[in-house]
Amino acid sequence: MQNAKIKDEVWQAVQDMNQAWTKIPDEQKIREYFHKDMVSIVPTARDRISGGDACVAGWMGFANSTNITHWEEKEPLISIFLNDTVAVVSYYFDMAFEMNGNNITMSGRDLFTLINENGRWKVVSDQFSQFPF
């Protein structure tokens, strides 16, 4: 497969995964993109989140406790490794949401690692953070 086509597939998978929690939260859909052994580092927790079920619960917990009014991914950088089976994706994001009666805006960066498992791109790791002040 051509590298550009693989990068397009990977980027589409990341965008589809993000839609599954930012538009209308859909737990079943997000599960399709999270590997069972996924691990995540988030700025709001000291410890890593380990396992696909825990990651799904974290994403869905946030999505269900907020009203996300804006989500935008920008400037993706995608690298493909190991005979087109591993992808590293970084991008910047802008988001706005309502939580506990407060309107919050946030800009930051996201770094995903995905593997191609049985023809599907699945997230095996994620780390995100707001931009430094």
Protein backbone atom coordinates (compact mmCIF):
# COMPACT_ATOMS: atom_id res chain seq x y z
CA MET A 1 0.00 0.00 0.00
CA GLN A 2 1.25 3.49 -0.72
CA ASN A 3 2.43 5.52 2.25
CA ALA A 4 0.08 8.46 1.49
CA LYS A 5 -2.92 6.12 1.36
CA ILE A 6 -1.97 4.57 4.71
CA LYS A 7 -1.53 8.01 6.28
CA ASP A 8 -5.00 8.96 5.00
CA GLU A 9 -6.49 5.79 6.52
CA VAL A 10 -4.79 6.43 9.86
CA TRP A 11 -5.86 10.08 9.96
CA GLN A 12 -9.44 9.11 9.10
CA ALA A 13 -9.44 6.55 11.94
CA VAL A 14 -8.26 9.21 14.42
CA GLN A 15 -10.86 11.69 13.22
CA ASP A 16 -13.63 9.06 13.36
CA MET A 17 -12.53 8.07 16.88
CA ASN A 18 -12.64 11.71 17.98
CA GLN A 19 -16.11 12.13 16.49
CA ALA A 20 -17.27 9.18 18.61
CA TRP A 21 -16.67 11.13 21.82
CA THR A 22 -16.92 14.81 20.78
CA LYS A 23 -20.16 14.87 18.78
CA ILE A 24 -22.66 12.38 20.16
CA PRO A 25 -20.86 10.21 22.73
CA ASP A 26 -20.99 6.61 21.52
CA GLU A 27 -19.32 4.08 23.80
CA GLN A 28 -19.64 1.20 21.35
CA LYS A 29 -18.08 3.23 18.55
CA ILE A 30 -15.14 4.40 20.69
CA ARG A 31 -14.49 0.78 21.69
CA GLU A 32 -13.94 -0.03 18.02
CA TYR A 33 -10.90 2.28 18.01
CA PHE A 34 -9.33 1.51 21.41
CA HIS A 35 -7.12 -1.57 21.66
CA LYS A 36 -7.86 -3.82 24.65
CA ASP A 37 -4.33 -3.14 25.97
CA MET A 38 -4.38 0.63 25.37
CA VAL A 39 -2.55 2.93 27.80
CA SER A 40 -3.02 6.67 28.21
CA ILE A 41 -1.33 9.52 30.04
CA VAL A 42 -3.62 12.46 30.78
CA PRO A 43 -2.86 15.74 32.54
CA THR A 44 -5.68 15.31 35.06
CA ALA A 45 -4.46 12.05 36.57
CA ARG A 46 -1.19 11.17 38.28
CA ASP A 47 -1.25 7.53 37.20
CA ARG A 48 -1.53 6.18 33.69
CA ILE A 49 -4.84 4.79 32.51
CA SER A 50 -4.25 1.16 31.61
CA GLY A 51 -6.47 -1.06 29.49
CA GLY A 52 -9.02 -0.38 26.80
CA ASP A 53 -11.98 -0.58 29.18
CA ALA A 54 -10.45 2.00 31.53
CA CYS A 55 -9.63 4.31 28.62
CA VAL A 56 -13.16 4.01 27.22
CA ALA A 57 -14.55 4.80 30.68
CA GLY A 58 -12.33 7.88 30.95
CA TRP A 59 -13.25 9.28 27.55
CA MET A 60 -16.94 8.54 27.98
CA GLY A 61 -16.95 9.91 31.52
CA PHE A 62 -15.63 13.22 30.25
CA ALA A 63 -17.91 13.30 27.20
CA ASN A 64 -21.00 12.49 29.27
CA SER A 65 -20.23 15.08 31.96
CA THR A 66 -19.79 17.95 29.49
CA ASN A 67 -21.46 19.52 26.51
CA ILE A 68 -18.71 19.72 23.89
CA THR A 69 -19.54 22.69 21.68
CA HIS A 70 -16.42 22.78 19.51
CA TRP A 71 -13.71 20.30 18.50
CA GLU A 72 -11.08 20.82 15.82
CA GLU A 73 -7.92 18.88 14.96
CA LYS A 74 -5.14 20.82 13.25
CA GLU A 75 -1.79 20.20 11.60
CA PRO A 76 -1.59 16.40 11.75
CA LEU A 77 1.81 14.77 11.49
CA ILE A 78 1.65 11.05 10.74
CA SER A 79 4.58 8.63 10.64
CA ILE A 80 4.26 5.00 9.57
CA PHE A 81 6.57 2.23 10.82
CA LEU A 82 7.16 -1.54 10.85
CA ASN A 83 5.98 -2.50 7.39
CA ASP A 84 2.90 -0.27 7.53
CA THR A 85 1.57 -1.75 10.80
CA VAL A 86 2.35 1.03 13.31
CA ALA A 87 1.46 4.71 13.10
CA VAL A 88 2.38 7.65 15.30
CA VAL A 89 0.02 10.60 14.99
CA SER A 90 0.42 14.03 16.53
CA TYR A 91 -1.82 17.02 16.03
CA TYR A 92 -2.99 20.17 17.75
CA PHE A 93 -6.55 20.65 18.91
CA ASP A 94 -8.95 23.38 19.93
CA MET A 95 -12.03 22.58 21.93
CA ALA A 96 -14.78 24.32 23.86
CA PHE A 97 -17.20 22.76 26.30
CA GLU A 98 -19.67 23.49 29.07
CA MET A 99 -19.03 21.80 32.40
CA ASN A 100 -20.75 22.48 35.72
CA GLY A 101 -22.20 25.71 34.35
CA ASN A 102 -18.83 26.99 33.12
CA ASN A 103 -17.77 27.61 29.53
CA ILE A 104 -14.23 26.32 29.02
CA THR A 105 -11.95 26.63 26.02
CA MET A 106 -8.80 24.59 25.63
CA SER A 107 -6.03 24.25 23.08
CA GLY A 108 -3.44 21.53 23.19
CA ARG A 109 -1.67 18.66 21.55
CA ASP A 110 -2.32 14.97 21.22
CA LEU A 111 0.03 12.07 20.50
CA PHE A 112 -1.37 8.69 19.50
CA THR A 113 0.22 5.38 18.61
CA LEU A 114 -1.92 3.04 16.53
CA ILE A 115 -1.44 -0.48 15.26
CA ASN A 116 -3.10 -2.15 12.33
CA GLU A 117 -4.81 -5.22 13.73
CA ASN A 118 -6.81 -7.39 11.34
CA GLY A 119 -7.14 -4.51 8.87
CA ARG A 120 -8.30 -1.93 11.45
CA TRP A 121 -6.29 0.89 13.01
CA LYS A 122 -6.53 0.74 16.80
CA VAL A 123 -5.16 3.14 19.38
CA VAL A 124 -2.61 1.50 21.70
CA SER A 125 -1.38 4.68 23.40
CA ASP A 126 -2.33 8.31 23.85
CA GLN A 127 -0.85 11.27 25.64
CA PHE A 128 -2.35 14.73 25.52
CA SER A 129 -1.85 18.05 27.21
CA GLN A 130 -2.85 21.65 27.02
CA PHE A 131 -0.34 24.05 25.54
CA PRO A 132 2.04 25.38 28.21
CA PHE A 133 1.17 28.78 29.61
